[in-house]
Amino acid sequence: MSMDECGETPLMRQREYRYWFLCDTSSQIGVVVGGFAFTLLGYTVTHNYVLSGLAGTLNSLVTAFMVIPGGIISDYHDRRRLIILSGAFAAALDAALALTLLAGRMSAPLLFVFVTANGALSGLFSNTTNVALPQVVGKNQLADATAANQSRDAVLQLAASPLAGLLYGVSAALPLAVACASRALQSVFGMALRCDLRPHPRNHGEDGGPAVLRDGLEGARWYARNGRARLILLLIVVQVMVLSMCGTVVVLYQQSLGTTSLMLGVIQTFQGVGMLLGGVIGMRLVRELAGRTVFVLTSLAFVTSFSLMSLTASPWILALLGFCASVPLIPLNSMIETYLMLLIPISLRGRVGAVNVLFMSVAQSVSSVAAGTLLHIVGYRGALLLPLAIMFVVSMMACSTPAIGGMPGLSRMDSLETLS
């Protein structure tokens, strides 16, 4: 089926997209359930805010260190094969961690070893399915596919997070066992893909080998050449850092108060409901809005919701405010991710995607340790309000730039041309 024909066929009626979606969904279940367990393990094992935040920082730093090699690998090798291998490796890691917990051998140093391994796999392979998506669907359906994936993520938060919390309350190894099985399914569905997911042939020299020394950092050079893309990336980094920081502060503080893992899962569930609502209704409402308008509305929603969170420690009120903060996430992410993907040439998507993940990982590494440190130094309220003030100032300054003011609405994304 050609890309033009795919553009006229509903996404779920396209065989390759269905298998890609099943593959990516299996991967995300493993990431959500396993990641929830990793988050709780940090404080459970160390009983220390700073060390718990340091575990998250180490994971993000290792991810950041490995994303550039991962992007190069993605642009030089068959992405279908990489999807299969990454699922197998992640399943093996989750199984090893679960067995260690069952054997009662877990310690803080050993936890950091597993965190390092998890970060390495994340850096090498986490962006592979996203890089492959534009080769699976037509250009005019990319925004819808991105929104569908974001809505799927919301459903996973709705179901997987409380399930992970419930399983964790029984045994810390149970959510890891679920993650192991899910990542194994990723490999199975990856084997069912039949479309050509090989990168552009220009990524190889005359002898068929990768020109690593010549253009391994071409993703960074692409950003250096394109100011619009640089500013969009900067805004994404700031929002990721601040939202991750605020979320970590809430979780750590609730753990210190003795809030159950099940209740923490319920908070995640409310966030999932908000994202799902935003994906179903919000996408229709913002389709004709300019990018600047969507950006302003989402920034105001984030700042208002998390500012109100600083005034309460009630898990149920936090869950409700988390719902409000999550509603605009899918429209915003869908717009920005589609905008960037359509600007990036297909031959560079792995390496440019690696740069994106690198900056996200650095932002998350800073946010994790900063959240624990701020919580220890200035307390719960200050640890929420300080990063929110930074995001508010940056967001308002960005609204006056051409990169935000000139961003097209979702209905006009298919007219974009790639940037060289």
Protein backbone atom coordinates (compact mmCIF):
# COMPACT_ATOMS: atom_id res chain seq x y z
CA MET A 1 0.00 0.00 0.00
CA SER A 2 1.43 3.37 -1.01
CA MET A 3 1.65 6.36 1.31
CA ASP A 4 -1.06 8.12 -0.67
CA GLU A 5 -3.39 5.18 -0.25
CA CYS A 6 -2.52 5.02 3.43
CA GLY A 7 -3.50 8.66 3.77
CA GLU A 8 -7.06 7.79 2.68
CA THR A 9 -7.37 4.73 4.94
CA PRO A 10 -8.18 5.03 8.67
CA LEU A 11 -5.09 4.34 10.74
CA MET A 12 -6.35 1.21 12.46
CA ARG A 13 -7.29 -0.35 9.11
CA GLN A 14 -3.68 -0.17 7.98
CA ARG A 15 -1.90 -3.45 8.75
CA GLU A 16 1.55 -1.98 9.29
CA TYR A 17 0.30 0.78 11.58
CA ARG A 18 -1.69 -1.75 13.63
CA TYR A 19 1.40 -3.85 14.26
CA TRP A 20 3.51 -0.77 14.88
CA PHE A 21 0.88 0.44 17.37
CA LEU A 22 0.80 -2.95 19.15
CA CYS A 23 4.57 -2.99 19.24
CA ASP A 24 4.86 0.53 20.61
CA THR A 25 2.02 -0.08 23.08
CA SER A 26 3.75 -3.17 24.46
CA SER A 27 6.91 -1.14 24.83
CA GLN A 28 5.08 1.67 26.62
CA ILE A 29 3.37 -0.72 29.04
CA GLY A 30 6.79 -2.00 29.99
CA VAL A 31 8.11 1.53 30.36
CA VAL A 32 5.16 2.76 32.47
CA VAL A 33 4.87 -0.27 34.76
CA GLY A 34 8.61 -0.81 35.08
CA GLY A 35 9.29 2.90 35.44
CA PHE A 36 6.71 3.19 38.23
CA ALA A 37 8.49 0.39 40.09
CA PHE A 38 11.89 2.05 39.55
CA THR A 39 10.55 5.34 40.92
CA LEU A 40 9.28 3.74 44.13
CA LEU A 41 12.34 1.53 44.55
CA GLY A 42 14.61 4.57 44.85
CA TYR A 43 13.05 5.74 48.12
CA THR A 44 12.16 2.23 49.33
CA VAL A 45 15.78 1.08 49.14
CA THR A 46 17.58 4.28 50.23
CA HIS A 47 15.01 6.00 52.52
CA ASN A 48 16.67 9.27 51.52
CA TYR A 49 15.36 12.16 49.40
CA VAL A 50 18.73 13.06 47.89
CA LEU A 51 19.79 9.48 47.12
CA SER A 52 16.38 8.74 45.64
CA GLY A 53 16.69 11.79 43.40
CA LEU A 54 20.27 10.80 42.60
CA ALA A 55 19.06 7.43 41.29
CA GLY A 56 16.78 9.23 38.86
CA THR A 57 19.62 11.57 37.94
CA LEU A 58 21.98 8.67 37.22
CA ASN A 59 19.38 7.02 35.00
CA SER A 60 18.90 10.24 33.03
CA LEU A 61 22.64 10.94 32.73
CA VAL A 62 23.37 7.46 31.38
CA THR A 63 20.46 7.84 28.98
CA ALA A 64 21.90 11.17 27.86
CA PHE A 65 25.34 9.63 27.33
CA MET A 66 23.93 6.85 25.14
CA VAL A 67 21.39 8.73 23.01
CA ILE A 68 23.87 9.96 20.39
CA PRO A 69 25.19 6.42 19.75
CA GLY A 70 21.55 5.28 19.76
CA GLY A 71 20.59 7.86 17.14
CA ILE A 72 23.52 6.85 14.94
CA ILE A 73 22.55 3.19 15.25
CA SER A 74 18.94 4.05 14.35
CA ASP A 75 20.03 5.89 11.20
CA TYR A 76 22.45 3.16 10.09
CA HIS A 77 20.52 -0.04 10.79
CA ASP A 78 17.12 -1.57 10.09
CA ARG A 79 14.76 -0.03 12.65
CA ARG A 80 12.56 -3.12 12.66
CA ARG A 81 15.51 -5.21 13.85
CA LEU A 82 16.35 -2.64 16.52
CA ILE A 83 12.76 -2.71 17.81
CA ILE A 84 12.97 -6.50 18.18
CA LEU A 85 16.35 -6.45 19.92
CA SER A 86 15.47 -3.62 22.30
CA GLY A 87 12.38 -5.49 23.52
CA ALA A 88 14.44 -8.61 24.20
CA PHE A 89 17.17 -6.72 26.08
CA ALA A 90 14.67 -4.78 28.22
CA ALA A 91 12.76 -7.97 29.08
CA ALA A 92 16.00 -9.58 30.25
CA LEU A 93 16.85 -6.58 32.46
CA ASP A 94 13.39 -6.50 34.07
CA ALA A 95 13.59 -10.24 34.73
CA ALA A 96 17.01 -9.90 36.37
CA LEU A 97 15.81 -7.06 38.63
CA ALA A 98 12.68 -8.98 39.64
CA LEU A 99 14.71 -12.07 40.52
CA THR A 100 17.14 -9.97 42.58
CA LEU A 101 14.25 -8.53 44.59
CA LEU A 102 12.70 -11.95 45.12
CA ALA A 103 16.04 -13.26 46.36
CA GLY A 104 16.26 -10.43 48.89
CA ARG A 105 19.64 -9.26 47.56
CA MET A 106 18.73 -5.70 46.63
CA SER A 107 20.92 -2.91 48.02
CA ALA A 108 21.52 0.73 47.15
CA PRO A 109 24.73 0.03 45.17
CA LEU A 110 23.06 -2.80 43.25
CA LEU A 111 20.04 -0.61 42.55
CA PHE A 112 22.37 1.94 40.99
CA VAL A 113 23.81 -0.81 38.77
CA PHE A 114 20.32 -1.66 37.49
CA VAL A 115 19.53 2.03 37.08
CA THR A 116 22.67 2.42 34.96
CA ALA A 117 21.74 -0.54 32.75
CA ASN A 118 18.19 0.76 32.36
CA GLY A 119 19.50 4.18 31.36
CA ALA A 120 21.83 2.64 28.77
CA LEU A 121 19.01 0.68 27.12
CA SER A 122 16.76 3.72 27.21
CA GLY A 123 19.38 5.89 25.56
CA LEU A 124 20.15 3.39 22.82
CA PHE A 125 16.64 2.30 21.87
CA SER A 126 13.86 4.44 23.41
CA ASN A 127 13.38 6.59 20.31
CA THR A 128 13.48 3.79 17.71
CA THR A 129 9.72 3.31 17.30
CA ASN A 130 9.11 7.06 17.09
CA VAL A 131 11.79 7.45 14.44
CA ALA A 132 10.13 4.67 12.41
CA LEU A 133 6.59 6.12 12.58
CA PRO A 134 6.90 8.52 9.59
CA GLN A 135 7.87 5.48 7.47
CA VAL A 136 4.73 3.64 8.60
CA VAL A 137 2.03 6.30 8.02
CA GLY A 138 1.48 8.99 5.40
CA LYS A 139 2.57 12.57 5.99
CA ASN A 140 -1.00 13.88 6.25
CA GLN A 141 -1.82 11.32 8.98
CA LEU A 142 1.26 11.89 11.13
CA ALA A 143 -0.45 14.39 13.46
CA ASP A 144 -3.40 12.01 13.98
CA ALA A 145 -1.02 9.10 14.62
CA THR A 146 0.93 11.18 17.13
CA ALA A 147 -2.28 12.20 18.93
CA ALA A 148 -3.46 8.56 18.94
CA ASN A 149 -0.19 7.53 20.55
CA GLN A 150 -0.50 10.27 23.17
CA SER A 151 -4.08 9.17 23.94
CA ARG A 152 -2.85 5.60 24.21
CA ASP A 153 -0.26 6.77 26.73
CA ALA A 154 -3.06 8.38 28.75
CA VAL A 155 -5.01 5.12 28.78
CA LEU A 156 -1.87 3.33 29.96
CA GLN A 157 -1.47 5.79 32.81
CA LEU A 158 -5.14 5.29 33.60
CA ALA A 159 -4.78 1.51 33.86
CA ALA A 160 -1.10 0.66 34.26
CA SER A 161 -0.12 3.05 37.05
CA PRO A 162 -2.71 1.92 39.64
CA LEU A 163 -2.07 -1.69 38.59
CA ALA A 164 1.65 -1.17 39.14
CA GLY A 165 0.96 0.44 42.51
CA LEU A 166 -1.30 -2.44 43.54
CA LEU A 167 1.24 -5.03 42.41
CA TYR A 168 4.07 -3.15 44.11
CA GLY A 169 2.12 -3.23 47.36
CA VAL A 170 2.09 -7.04 47.14
CA SER A 171 5.68 -7.42 45.93
CA ALA A 172 8.12 -5.03 44.31
CA ALA A 173 8.96 -7.80 41.83
CA LEU A 174 5.43 -8.13 40.41
CA PRO A 175 5.31 -4.93 38.31
CA LEU A 176 8.74 -5.83 36.95
CA ALA A 177 7.43 -9.24 35.90
CA VAL A 178 4.59 -7.53 34.02
CA ALA A 179 7.09 -5.17 32.40
CA CYS A 180 9.23 -8.14 31.36
CA ALA A 181 6.31 -9.88 29.64
CA SER A 182 5.25 -6.66 27.93
CA ARG A 183 8.71 -5.95 26.51
CA ALA A 184 8.87 -9.52 25.22
CA LEU A 185 5.60 -8.87 23.34
CA GLN A 186 7.23 -5.82 21.81
CA SER A 187 9.72 -8.12 20.11
CA VAL A 188 6.95 -10.47 18.94
CA PHE A 189 4.92 -7.67 17.34
CA GLY A 190 8.09 -6.18 15.88
CA MET A 191 8.68 -9.44 14.03
CA ALA A 192 5.24 -9.05 12.39
CA LEU A 193 6.15 -5.72 10.75
CA ARG A 194 6.67 -6.04 6.99
CA CYS A 195 7.19 -2.44 5.83
CA ASP A 196 10.65 -1.22 4.94
CA LEU A 197 12.07 0.48 8.03
CA ARG A 198 15.62 0.72 6.78
CA PRO A 199 17.18 4.21 6.90
CA HIS A 200 17.99 6.27 3.86
CA PRO A 201 20.82 4.68 1.82
CA ARG A 202 22.87 7.88 1.88
CA ASN A 203 23.76 7.07 5.50
CA HIS A 204 26.16 4.45 4.20
CA GLY A 205 29.43 4.83 2.38
CA GLU A 206 30.32 3.23 -0.91
CA ASP A 207 31.38 0.09 0.89
CA GLY A 208 27.99 -0.10 2.66
CA GLY A 209 29.46 0.88 6.02
CA PRO A 210 28.22 3.75 8.19
CA ALA A 211 29.98 7.07 7.77
CA VAL A 212 30.14 7.58 11.53
CA LEU A 213 33.13 9.88 11.60
CA ARG A 214 31.74 12.05 8.80
CA ASP A 215 28.18 12.72 9.95
CA GLY A 216 27.62 11.09 13.34
CA LEU A 217 26.80 14.50 14.83
CA GLU A 218 24.67 15.69 11.91
CA GLY A 219 21.63 15.88 14.20
CA ALA A 220 23.34 18.58 16.26
CA ARG A 221 24.45 20.35 13.08
CA TRP A 222 20.86 20.34 11.84
CA TYR A 223 19.77 22.22 14.96
CA ALA A 224 22.72 24.59 14.55
CA ARG A 225 21.50 25.46 11.05
CA ASN A 226 17.84 25.99 12.00
CA GLY A 227 16.95 28.64 14.57
CA ARG A 228 13.22 27.82 14.63
CA ALA A 229 13.92 24.25 15.65
CA ARG A 230 16.43 25.35 18.31
CA LEU A 231 13.91 27.58 20.06
CA ILE A 232 11.20 24.92 19.97
CA LEU A 233 13.66 22.45 21.51
CA LEU A 234 14.58 24.95 24.23
CA LEU A 235 10.93 25.44 25.18
CA ILE A 236 10.34 21.69 25.28
CA VAL A 237 13.37 21.23 27.54
CA VAL A 238 12.22 23.90 29.99
CA GLN A 239 8.72 22.47 30.23
CA VAL A 240 9.95 18.89 30.56
CA MET A 241 12.39 19.89 33.30
CA VAL A 242 9.86 21.88 35.30
CA LEU A 243 6.96 19.43 34.99
CA SER A 244 9.23 16.49 35.83
CA MET A 245 10.62 18.38 38.78
CA CYS A 246 7.19 19.24 40.16
CA GLY A 247 5.94 15.68 39.67
CA THR A 248 8.97 14.27 41.50
CA VAL A 249 8.48 16.70 44.38
CA VAL A 250 4.86 15.58 44.78
CA VAL A 251 5.72 11.86 44.72
CA LEU A 252 8.67 12.15 47.14
CA TYR A 253 6.69 14.29 49.57
CA GLN A 254 3.73 11.91 49.50
CA GLN A 255 6.05 8.94 50.13
CA SER A 256 7.53 10.72 53.14
CA LEU A 257 4.00 11.19 54.50
CA GLY A 258 3.34 7.46 54.22
CA THR A 259 0.95 7.62 51.27
CA THR A 260 0.41 4.11 49.91
CA SER A 261 1.75 3.03 46.54
CA LEU A 262 -1.85 2.35 45.47
CA MET A 263 -2.82 5.95 46.21
CA LEU A 264 0.19 7.19 44.26
CA GLY A 265 -1.08 5.07 41.39
CA VAL A 266 -4.51 6.71 41.73
CA ILE A 267 -2.87 10.14 41.36
CA GLN A 268 -1.25 8.89 38.16
CA THR A 269 -4.65 7.58 37.05
CA PHE A 270 -6.25 11.01 37.37
CA GLN A 271 -3.45 12.41 35.25
CA GLY A 272 -4.15 9.71 32.67
CA VAL A 273 -7.85 10.63 32.60
CA GLY A 274 -6.90 14.26 32.01
CA MET A 275 -4.59 13.33 29.15
CA LEU A 276 -7.24 11.07 27.62
CA LEU A 277 -9.84 13.83 27.79
CA GLY A 278 -7.37 16.21 26.19
CA GLY A 279 -6.68 13.71 23.42
CA VAL A 280 -10.36 13.09 22.65
CA ILE A 281 -11.82 16.57 23.07
CA GLY A 282 -8.85 18.91 23.23
CA MET A 283 -7.48 17.83 19.84
CA ARG A 284 -10.75 18.85 18.17
CA LEU A 285 -10.82 22.19 19.93
CA VAL A 286 -7.25 23.21 19.13
CA ARG A 287 -7.00 21.88 15.56
CA GLU A 288 -7.65 25.32 14.06
CA LEU A 289 -5.81 27.30 16.74
CA ALA A 290 -2.38 28.77 16.07
CA GLY A 291 0.59 27.24 17.86
CA ARG A 292 1.12 30.38 19.96
CA THR A 293 -2.42 30.21 21.36
CA VAL A 294 -2.09 26.55 22.28
CA PHE A 295 1.27 27.22 23.94
CA VAL A 296 -0.07 30.11 26.05
CA LEU A 297 -3.14 28.18 27.21
CA THR A 298 -1.16 25.09 28.18
CA SER A 299 1.48 27.11 30.05
CA LEU A 300 -1.21 28.87 32.08
CA ALA A 301 -2.85 25.53 32.90
CA PHE A 302 0.45 24.05 34.12
CA VAL A 303 1.42 27.03 36.28
CA THR A 304 -2.03 27.41 37.83
CA SER A 305 -2.50 23.71 38.64
CA PHE A 306 0.92 23.15 40.20
CA SER A 307 0.77 26.43 42.13
CA LEU A 308 -2.45 25.21 43.75
CA MET A 309 -0.73 21.89 44.51
CA SER A 310 1.75 23.77 46.69
CA LEU A 311 -1.13 24.67 49.03
CA THR A 312 -2.20 21.11 49.87
CA ALA A 313 -0.87 17.66 50.74
CA SER A 314 -4.21 15.87 50.27
CA PRO A 315 -3.71 13.02 47.76
CA TRP A 316 -7.22 13.39 46.36
CA ILE A 317 -6.90 17.13 45.79
CA LEU A 318 -3.48 16.56 44.23
CA ALA A 319 -5.06 13.96 41.95
CA LEU A 320 -7.75 16.45 40.86
CA LEU A 321 -5.18 19.17 40.18
CA GLY A 322 -3.02 16.67 38.31
CA PHE A 323 -6.05 15.95 36.14
CA CYS A 324 -6.40 19.66 35.32
CA ALA A 325 -2.70 20.00 34.49
CA SER A 326 -2.78 16.96 32.20
CA VAL A 327 -5.72 17.96 29.96
CA PRO A 328 -3.66 20.18 27.62
CA LEU A 329 -0.64 17.85 27.40
CA ILE A 330 -1.70 15.83 24.34
CA PRO A 331 -2.69 18.82 22.17
CA LEU A 332 0.58 20.56 23.03
CA ASN A 333 2.78 17.50 22.56
CA SER A 334 1.03 16.48 19.36
CA MET A 335 1.51 19.92 17.84
CA ILE A 336 5.18 20.27 18.80
CA GLU A 337 6.21 16.69 17.98
CA THR A 338 4.47 16.73 14.60
CA TYR A 339 5.98 20.12 13.81
CA LEU A 340 9.51 18.87 14.53
CA MET A 341 9.08 15.51 12.79
CA LEU A 342 7.88 17.14 9.58
CA LEU A 343 10.80 19.57 9.61
CA ILE A 344 13.40 16.79 9.94
CA PRO A 345 14.60 14.94 6.81
CA ILE A 346 13.95 11.19 7.00
CA SER A 347 17.67 10.43 6.73
CA LEU A 348 18.37 12.47 9.89
CA ARG A 349 15.43 11.52 12.12
CA GLY A 350 17.43 9.08 14.21
CA ARG A 351 20.23 11.52 14.94
CA VAL A 352 18.01 14.57 15.43
CA GLY A 353 15.78 12.43 17.64
CA ALA A 354 18.88 11.47 19.61
CA VAL A 355 19.64 15.14 20.21
CA ASN A 356 16.07 15.60 21.46
CA VAL A 357 16.37 12.66 23.85
CA LEU A 358 19.79 13.92 24.98
CA PHE A 359 18.38 17.26 26.01
CA MET A 360 15.31 15.65 27.60
CA SER A 361 17.55 13.31 29.58
CA VAL A 362 19.74 16.16 30.81
CA ALA A 363 16.61 18.09 31.79
CA GLN A 364 15.23 15.09 33.67
CA SER A 365 18.56 14.39 35.36
CA VAL A 366 18.71 17.96 36.61
CA SER A 367 15.05 17.87 37.64
CA SER A 368 15.38 14.65 39.64
CA VAL A 369 18.28 15.72 41.82
CA ALA A 370 17.00 19.31 42.03
CA ALA A 371 13.59 18.10 43.21
CA GLY A 372 15.08 16.05 46.03
CA THR A 373 17.53 18.80 46.99
CA LEU A 374 14.96 21.61 46.92
CA LEU A 375 12.51 19.53 48.91
CA HIS A 376 15.20 19.00 51.53
CA ILE A 377 16.29 22.67 51.64
CA VAL A 378 13.19 24.83 51.07
CA GLY A 379 10.38 22.38 51.73
CA TYR A 380 7.40 21.25 49.70
CA ARG A 381 5.89 24.61 48.76
CA GLY A 382 9.15 26.24 47.72
CA ALA A 383 10.22 23.19 45.71
CA LEU A 384 7.06 23.56 43.60
CA LEU A 385 6.89 27.34 43.23
CA LEU A 386 10.52 28.06 42.29
CA PRO A 387 10.60 25.98 39.07
CA LEU A 388 7.09 27.17 38.15
CA ALA A 389 8.29 30.78 38.30
CA ILE A 390 11.10 29.93 35.87
CA MET A 391 8.72 28.24 33.45
CA PHE A 392 6.28 31.16 33.57
CA VAL A 393 8.96 33.73 32.72
CA VAL A 394 10.44 31.64 29.88
CA SER A 395 7.01 30.87 28.44
CA MET A 396 5.90 34.49 28.37
CA MET A 397 9.16 35.56 26.71
CA ALA A 398 8.82 32.81 24.09
CA CYS A 399 5.34 33.92 23.08
CA SER A 400 6.78 37.01 21.38
CA THR A 401 9.20 35.06 19.16
CA PRO A 402 8.56 34.19 15.48
CA ALA A 403 9.15 30.49 16.21
CA ILE A 404 6.06 30.34 18.44
CA GLY A 405 4.01 33.05 16.74
CA GLY A 406 4.52 31.45 13.34
CA MET A 407 3.82 27.85 14.31
CA PRO A 408 0.89 26.59 12.19
CA GLY A 409 -2.17 24.87 13.61
CA LEU A 410 -2.56 21.11 13.38
CA SER A 411 -4.85 21.37 10.35
CA ARG A 412 -2.07 23.06 8.36
CA MET A 413 0.88 20.90 9.37
CA ASP A 414 0.86 18.87 6.13
CA SER A 415 2.02 21.95 4.20
CA LEU A 416 5.36 22.03 6.02
CA GLU A 417 8.56 21.31 4.13
CA THR A 418 11.62 19.69 5.66
CA LEU A 419 14.61 21.84 6.60
CA SER A 420 18.00 20.96 5.20
